[in-house]
Amino acid sequence: MVIPATVVFAALATAATLGILRQVLWPLRRSRSWPWVVAVLGVGVLALYRLVGTPTGLQEAASTAPQSLDEAIVQLQAELERNPAQPEGWALLARSQATVGNHAAARDAYARAVKLTPDDPALLVDAAEARALADPQRRFDAPAVAWLHHAIELQPANARATWFLGVSQRKAGQNAEAAKIGTPAGNGRRRHRAQPARADQRGARRSRP
């Protein structure tokens, strides 16, 4: 059986694209944006095949593909400049910037994502954390605290939002507020209160005849 040339070329185009993008996107494998990435990858493979049409063209297109995460970030930024109404794209850019240690850029990209999707609890928490990481003193500023409050309103059981909010309150000296939501400060005080109570109970048991 003779395999059509178009099928062979499609397979080669797919393999080449996957080989290049695997090196670029592998650090992002734990990201919640994988569905978005896979969709872009599928469209990219189809566009590559329709664009080049020949092995020679494939070599020319492959030479322009990103060879590193830094290059992928530049290309993603260019795409978002052309079409900025992509919250998942901004979130992916933010995570990519954080991966290379550019916390200020990650903070700004998350802000764009939150502006487009203001009611996503996970995104709100990630964006708040990014603001803290971009701060020299690792403090949650007013927008970050507001996002954490909103995330908890949307998802009261969100442990990360609750934890970060407690940390921000403790750093701001609001220990009473932090104690109400089970943060390190609050947990520490509860342990200190529990220890004397247990000691009193043990003493009472020993004094019994």
C-alpha atoms as a PDB file:
ATOM      1  CA  MET A   1       0.000   0.000   0.000  1.00  0.00           C
ATOM      2  CA  VAL A   2       1.340   3.401  -0.970  1.00  0.00           C
ATOM      3  CA  ILE A   3       0.894   6.108   1.637  1.00  0.00           C
ATOM      4  CA  PRO A   4      -0.176   9.403   0.054  1.00  0.00           C
ATOM      5  CA  ALA A   5       2.510  12.061   0.043  1.00  0.00           C
ATOM      6  CA  THR A   6       0.217  14.484   1.845  1.00  0.00           C
ATOM      7  CA  VAL A   7      -0.161  12.065   4.749  1.00  0.00           C
ATOM      8  CA  VAL A   8       3.610  11.597   4.997  1.00  0.00           C
ATOM      9  CA  PHE A   9       4.221  15.316   4.960  1.00  0.00           C
ATOM     10  CA  ALA A  10       1.491  15.968   7.540  1.00  0.00           C
ATOM     11  CA  ALA A  11       3.136  13.425   9.843  1.00  0.00           C
ATOM     12  CA  LEU A  12       6.547  15.029   9.352  1.00  0.00           C
ATOM     13  CA  ALA A  13       5.144  18.497  10.004  1.00  0.00           C
ATOM     14  CA  THR A  14       3.436  17.294  13.157  1.00  0.00           C
ATOM     15  CA  ALA A  15       6.554  15.521  14.440  1.00  0.00           C
ATOM     16  CA  ALA A  16       8.767  18.534  13.767  1.00  0.00           C
ATOM     17  CA  THR A  17       6.381  20.927  15.463  1.00  0.00           C
ATOM     18  CA  LEU A  18       5.944  18.670  18.484  1.00  0.00           C
ATOM     19  CA  GLY A  19       9.684  18.186  18.797  1.00  0.00           C
ATOM     20  CA  ILE A  20      10.317  21.914  18.905  1.00  0.00           C
ATOM     21  CA  LEU A  21       7.413  22.909  21.135  1.00  0.00           C
ATOM     22  CA  ARG A  22       7.997  20.062  23.590  1.00  0.00           C
ATOM     23  CA  GLN A  23      11.305  21.642  24.590  1.00  0.00           C
ATOM     24  CA  VAL A  24       9.673  25.060  24.960  1.00  0.00           C
ATOM     25  CA  LEU A  25       6.460  24.072  26.728  1.00  0.00           C
ATOM     26  CA  TRP A  26       7.684  21.224  28.937  1.00  0.00           C
ATOM     27  CA  PRO A  27       8.415  23.570  31.902  1.00  0.00           C
ATOM     28  CA  LEU A  28       4.725  24.586  31.761  1.00  0.00           C
ATOM     29  CA  ARG A  29       3.383  21.018  31.900  1.00  0.00           C
ATOM     30  CA  ARG A  30       1.812  21.545  35.357  1.00  0.00           C
ATOM     31  CA  SER A  31      -0.017  24.691  34.267  1.00  0.00           C
ATOM     32  CA  ARG A  32      -3.804  24.801  34.219  1.00  0.00           C
ATOM     33  CA  SER A  33      -3.478  26.392  30.763  1.00  0.00           C
ATOM     34  CA  TRP A  34      -2.598  23.100  29.045  1.00  0.00           C
ATOM     35  CA  PRO A  35      -5.992  22.899  27.230  1.00  0.00           C
ATOM     36  CA  TRP A  36      -5.287  26.354  25.774  1.00  0.00           C
ATOM     37  CA  VAL A  37      -1.761  25.337  24.825  1.00  0.00           C
ATOM     38  CA  VAL A  38      -2.935  22.103  23.182  1.00  0.00           C
ATOM     39  CA  ALA A  39      -5.528  23.999  21.168  1.00  0.00           C
ATOM     40  CA  VAL A  40      -2.903  26.473  19.964  1.00  0.00           C
ATOM     41  CA  LEU A  41      -0.572  23.575  19.138  1.00  0.00           C
ATOM     42  CA  GLY A  42      -3.244  21.860  17.035  1.00  0.00           C
ATOM     43  CA  VAL A  43      -4.020  25.036  15.131  1.00  0.00           C
ATOM     44  CA  GLY A  44      -0.312  25.661  14.672  1.00  0.00           C
ATOM     45  CA  VAL A  45       0.281  22.230  13.127  1.00  0.00           C
ATOM     46  CA  LEU A  46      -2.622  22.696  10.708  1.00  0.00           C
ATOM     47  CA  ALA A  47      -1.489  26.210   9.815  1.00  0.00           C
ATOM     48  CA  LEU A  48       2.072  24.981   9.278  1.00  0.00           C
ATOM     49  CA  TYR A  49       0.924  22.308   6.849  1.00  0.00           C
ATOM     50  CA  ARG A  50      -1.323  24.702   4.923  1.00  0.00           C
ATOM     51  CA  LEU A  51       1.359  27.378   4.839  1.00  0.00           C
ATOM     52  CA  VAL A  52       4.444  25.527   3.686  1.00  0.00           C
ATOM     53  CA  GLY A  53       3.171  22.585   1.662  1.00  0.00           C
ATOM     54  CA  THR A  54       6.653  21.172   0.905  1.00  0.00           C
ATOM     55  CA  PRO A  55       9.574  19.793   2.914  1.00  0.00           C
ATOM     56  CA  THR A  56      11.629  22.819   1.848  1.00  0.00           C
ATOM     57  CA  GLY A  57       8.983  25.117   3.241  1.00  0.00           C
ATOM     58  CA  LEU A  58       8.895  23.046   6.407  1.00  0.00           C
ATOM     59  CA  GLN A  59      12.595  23.701   6.955  1.00  0.00           C
ATOM     60  CA  GLU A  60      12.056  27.442   6.486  1.00  0.00           C
ATOM     61  CA  ALA A  61       9.121  27.495   8.930  1.00  0.00           C
ATOM     62  CA  ALA A  62      10.972  25.389  11.495  1.00  0.00           C
ATOM     63  CA  SER A  63      13.844  27.865  11.452  1.00  0.00           C
ATOM     64  CA  THR A  64      11.473  30.570  12.766  1.00  0.00           C
ATOM     65  CA  ALA A  65       9.981  28.422  15.551  1.00  0.00           C
ATOM     66  CA  PRO A  66      10.948  29.365  19.134  1.00  0.00           C
ATOM     67  CA  GLN A  67      14.075  27.594  20.311  1.00  0.00           C
ATOM     68  CA  SER A  68      13.766  28.559  23.988  1.00  0.00           C
ATOM     69  CA  LEU A  69      11.231  29.681  26.542  1.00  0.00           C
ATOM     70  CA  ASP A  70      12.473  33.256  26.179  1.00  0.00           C
ATOM     71  CA  GLU A  71      11.763  33.184  22.447  1.00  0.00           C
ATOM     72  CA  ALA A  72       8.349  31.613  23.083  1.00  0.00           C
ATOM     73  CA  ILE A  73       7.561  34.449  25.502  1.00  0.00           C
ATOM     74  CA  VAL A  74       8.451  37.033  22.862  1.00  0.00           C
ATOM     75  CA  GLN A  75       6.195  35.338  20.324  1.00  0.00           C
ATOM     76  CA  LEU A  76       3.365  35.035  22.844  1.00  0.00           C
ATOM     77  CA  GLN A  77       3.693  38.719  23.685  1.00  0.00           C
ATOM     78  CA  ALA A  78       3.453  39.581  19.986  1.00  0.00           C
ATOM     79  CA  GLU A  79       0.337  37.448  19.632  1.00  0.00           C
ATOM     80  CA  LEU A  80      -1.286  39.127  22.634  1.00  0.00           C
ATOM     81  CA  GLU A  81      -0.478  42.547  21.198  1.00  0.00           C
ATOM     82  CA  ARG A  82      -2.357  41.552  18.051  1.00  0.00           C
ATOM     83  CA  ASN A  83      -5.244  39.983  19.963  1.00  0.00           C
ATOM     84  CA  PRO A  84      -5.244  41.059  23.622  1.00  0.00           C
ATOM     85  CA  ALA A  85      -8.676  39.637  24.479  1.00  0.00           C
ATOM     86  CA  GLN A  86      -7.235  36.270  25.563  1.00  0.00           C
ATOM     87  CA  PRO A  87      -7.293  35.750  29.345  1.00  0.00           C
ATOM     88  CA  GLU A  88      -5.729  32.290  29.083  1.00  0.00           C
ATOM     89  CA  GLY A  89      -2.984  33.743  26.926  1.00  0.00           C
ATOM     90  CA  TRP A  90      -2.201  36.432  29.504  1.00  0.00           C
ATOM     91  CA  ALA A  91      -2.238  33.830  32.278  1.00  0.00           C
ATOM     92  CA  LEU A  92       0.136  31.603  30.297  1.00  0.00           C
ATOM     93  CA  LEU A  93       2.407  34.575  29.670  1.00  0.00           C
ATOM     94  CA  ALA A  94       2.350  35.390  33.391  1.00  0.00           C
ATOM     95  CA  ARG A  95       3.342  31.834  34.357  1.00  0.00           C
ATOM     96  CA  SER A  96       6.063  31.826  31.712  1.00  0.00           C
ATOM     97  CA  GLN A  97       7.468  35.115  32.996  1.00  0.00           C
ATOM     98  CA  ALA A  98       7.419  33.767  36.543  1.00  0.00           C
ATOM     99  CA  THR A  99       9.283  30.652  35.359  1.00  0.00           C
ATOM    100  CA  VAL A 100      12.161  32.775  34.048  1.00  0.00           C
ATOM    101  CA  GLY A 101      12.128  34.904  37.205  1.00  0.00           C
ATOM    102  CA  ASN A 102      10.558  38.040  35.735  1.00  0.00           C
ATOM    103  CA  HIS A 103       8.072  38.621  38.552  1.00  0.00           C
ATOM    104  CA  ALA A 104       7.207  42.208  37.598  1.00  0.00           C
ATOM    105  CA  ALA A 105       6.182  41.116  34.101  1.00  0.00           C
ATOM    106  CA  ALA A 106       4.264  38.174  35.588  1.00  0.00           C
ATOM    107  CA  ARG A 107       2.409  40.573  37.884  1.00  0.00           C
ATOM    108  CA  ASP A 108       1.423  42.797  34.961  1.00  0.00           C
ATOM    109  CA  ALA A 109       0.342  39.881  32.765  1.00  0.00           C
ATOM    110  CA  TYR A 110      -1.811  38.452  35.550  1.00  0.00           C
ATOM    111  CA  ALA A 111      -3.447  41.871  35.958  1.00  0.00           C
ATOM    112  CA  ARG A 112      -4.455  41.784  32.287  1.00  0.00           C
ATOM    113  CA  ALA A 113      -5.866  38.273  32.726  1.00  0.00           C
ATOM    114  CA  VAL A 114      -7.866  39.277  35.816  1.00  0.00           C
ATOM    115  CA  LYS A 115      -9.267  42.287  33.989  1.00  0.00           C
ATOM    116  CA  LEU A 116     -10.652  39.930  31.339  1.00  0.00           C
ATOM    117  CA  THR A 117     -11.741  37.189  33.781  1.00  0.00           C
ATOM    118  CA  PRO A 118     -12.475  38.840  37.147  1.00  0.00           C
ATOM    119  CA  ASP A 119     -14.448  35.957  38.661  1.00  0.00           C
ATOM    120  CA  ASP A 120     -12.000  33.049  38.398  1.00  0.00           C
ATOM    121  CA  PRO A 121     -10.911  32.184  41.980  1.00  0.00           C
ATOM    122  CA  ALA A 122      -7.764  30.295  40.965  1.00  0.00           C
ATOM    123  CA  LEU A 123      -6.671  33.101  38.659  1.00  0.00           C
ATOM    124  CA  LEU A 124      -7.340  35.710  41.359  1.00  0.00           C
ATOM    125  CA  VAL A 125      -5.155  33.824  43.842  1.00  0.00           C
ATOM    126  CA  ASP A 126      -2.344  33.348  41.321  1.00  0.00           C
ATOM    127  CA  ALA A 127      -2.484  37.040  40.440  1.00  0.00           C
ATOM    128  CA  ALA A 128      -2.401  38.062  44.100  1.00  0.00           C
ATOM    129  CA  GLU A 129       0.591  35.801  44.745  1.00  0.00           C
ATOM    130  CA  ALA A 130       2.368  37.294  41.720  1.00  0.00           C
ATOM    131  CA  ARG A 131       1.948  40.788  43.164  1.00  0.00           C
ATOM    132  CA  ALA A 132       3.507  39.642  46.434  1.00  0.00           C
ATOM    133  CA  LEU A 133       6.424  37.980  44.625  1.00  0.00           C
ATOM    134  CA  ALA A 134       7.038  41.174  42.661  1.00  0.00           C
ATOM    135  CA  ASP A 135       7.139  43.250  45.840  1.00  0.00           C
ATOM    136  CA  PRO A 136      10.643  43.667  47.351  1.00  0.00           C
ATOM    137  CA  GLN A 137       9.247  42.891  50.819  1.00  0.00           C
ATOM    138  CA  ARG A 138       6.953  40.116  49.543  1.00  0.00           C
ATOM    139  CA  ARG A 139       3.865  41.977  50.760  1.00  0.00           C
ATOM    140  CA  PHE A 140       0.360  41.703  49.370  1.00  0.00           C
ATOM    141  CA  ASP A 141      -0.706  45.181  48.267  1.00  0.00           C
ATOM    142  CA  ALA A 142      -4.265  46.546  48.176  1.00  0.00           C
ATOM    143  CA  PRO A 143      -5.219  45.051  44.772  1.00  0.00           C
ATOM    144  CA  ALA A 144      -3.834  41.663  45.833  1.00  0.00           C
ATOM    145  CA  VAL A 145      -5.810  41.699  49.094  1.00  0.00           C
ATOM    146  CA  ALA A 146      -8.953  42.719  47.210  1.00  0.00           C
ATOM    147  CA  TRP A 147      -8.468  39.800  44.811  1.00  0.00           C
ATOM    148  CA  LEU A 148      -8.023  37.385  47.718  1.00  0.00           C
ATOM    149  CA  HIS A 149     -11.218  38.623  49.356  1.00  0.00           C
ATOM    150  CA  HIS A 150     -13.073  38.229  46.073  1.00  0.00           C
ATOM    151  CA  ALA A 151     -11.675  34.723  45.560  1.00  0.00           C
ATOM    152  CA  ILE A 152     -12.943  33.720  49.008  1.00  0.00           C
ATOM    153  CA  GLU A 153     -16.340  35.243  48.239  1.00  0.00           C
ATOM    154  CA  LEU A 154     -16.523  33.149  45.089  1.00  0.00           C
ATOM    155  CA  GLN A 155     -15.036  30.013  46.669  1.00  0.00           C
ATOM    156  CA  PRO A 156     -15.094  30.051  50.494  1.00  0.00           C
ATOM    157  CA  ALA A 157     -13.205  26.737  50.679  1.00  0.00           C
ATOM    158  CA  ASN A 158     -10.255  28.032  48.650  1.00  0.00           C
ATOM    159  CA  ALA A 159      -7.382  27.142  50.980  1.00  0.00           C
ATOM    160  CA  ARG A 160      -4.720  29.130  49.114  1.00  0.00           C
ATOM    161  CA  ALA A 161      -6.785  32.301  49.146  1.00  0.00           C
ATOM    162  CA  THR A 162      -7.480  31.911  52.855  1.00  0.00           C
ATOM    163  CA  TRP A 163      -3.846  31.224  53.639  1.00  0.00           C
ATOM    164  CA  PHE A 164      -2.490  34.147  51.605  1.00  0.00           C
ATOM    165  CA  LEU A 165      -5.070  36.503  53.088  1.00  0.00           C
ATOM    166  CA  GLY A 166      -4.020  35.448  56.580  1.00  0.00           C
ATOM    167  CA  VAL A 167      -0.352  35.932  55.720  1.00  0.00           C
ATOM    168  CA  SER A 168      -1.075  39.416  54.384  1.00  0.00           C
ATOM    169  CA  GLN A 169      -2.991  40.312  57.543  1.00  0.00           C
ATOM    170  CA  ARG A 170      -0.218  39.002  59.773  1.00  0.00           C
ATOM    171  CA  LYS A 171       2.408  41.020  57.878  1.00  0.00           C
ATOM    172  CA  ALA A 172       0.193  44.085  58.229  1.00  0.00           C
ATOM    173  CA  GLY A 173      -0.015  43.549  62.007  1.00  0.00           C
ATOM    174  CA  GLN A 174      -3.664  42.487  61.862  1.00  0.00           C
ATOM    175  CA  ASN A 175      -3.184  39.444  64.065  1.00  0.00           C
ATOM    176  CA  ALA A 176      -6.760  39.447  65.361  1.00  0.00           C
ATOM    177  CA  GLU A 177      -8.116  39.225  61.824  1.00  0.00           C
ATOM    178  CA  ALA A 178      -5.527  36.590  60.916  1.00  0.00           C
ATOM    179  CA  ALA A 179      -6.534  34.478  63.917  1.00  0.00           C
ATOM    180  CA  LYS A 180     -10.098  34.265  62.664  1.00  0.00           C
ATOM    181  CA  ILE A 181      -9.162  32.411  59.503  1.00  0.00           C
ATOM    182  CA  GLY A 182      -6.574  29.935  60.806  1.00  0.00           C
ATOM    183  CA  THR A 183      -3.326  31.507  59.656  1.00  0.00           C
ATOM    184  CA  PRO A 184       0.096  30.838  61.210  1.00  0.00           C
ATOM    185  CA  ALA A 185      -0.469  33.578  63.786  1.00  0.00           C
ATOM    186  CA  GLY A 186      -3.900  32.296  64.640  1.00  0.00           C
ATOM    187  CA  ASN A 187      -2.812  28.663  64.740  1.00  0.00           C
ATOM    188  CA  GLY A 188       0.106  29.544  66.988  1.00  0.00           C
ATOM    189  CA  ARG A 189      -2.104  31.292  69.516  1.00  0.00           C
ATOM    190  CA  ARG A 190      -4.559  28.399  69.520  1.00  0.00           C
ATOM    191  CA  ARG A 191      -1.724  25.968  70.247  1.00  0.00           C
ATOM    192  CA  HIS A 192      -0.472  28.148  73.118  1.00  0.00           C
ATOM    193  CA  ARG A 193      -3.972  28.326  74.593  1.00  0.00           C
ATOM    194  CA  ALA A 194      -4.465  24.585  74.229  1.00  0.00           C
ATOM    195  CA  GLN A 195      -1.220  23.624  75.943  1.00  0.00           C
ATOM    196  CA  PRO A 196      -2.076  25.151  79.394  1.00  0.00           C
ATOM    197  CA  ALA A 197      -5.540  23.651  79.171  1.00  0.00           C
ATOM    198  CA  ARG A 198      -4.110  20.182  78.583  1.00  0.00           C
ATOM    199  CA  ALA A 199      -1.629  20.716  81.434  1.00  0.00           C
ATOM    200  CA  ASP A 200      -4.474  21.646  83.777  1.00  0.00           C
ATOM    201  CA  GLN A 201      -6.362  18.515  82.761  1.00  0.00           C
ATOM    202  CA  ARG A 202      -3.334  16.296  83.421  1.00  0.00           C
ATOM    203  CA  GLY A 203      -2.842  17.951  86.836  1.00  0.00           C
ATOM    204  CA  ALA A 204      -6.470  17.378  87.743  1.00  0.00           C
ATOM    205  CA  ARG A 205      -6.203  13.682  86.843  1.00  0.00           C
ATOM    206  CA  ARG A 206      -3.083  13.245  88.973  1.00  0.00           C
ATOM    207  CA  SER A 207      -4.770  14.852  92.015  1.00  0.00           C
ATOM    208  CA  ARG A 208      -7.645  12.420  91.958  1.00  0.00           C
ATOM    209  CA  PRO A 209      -7.462   9.676  94.647  1.00  0.00           C
END
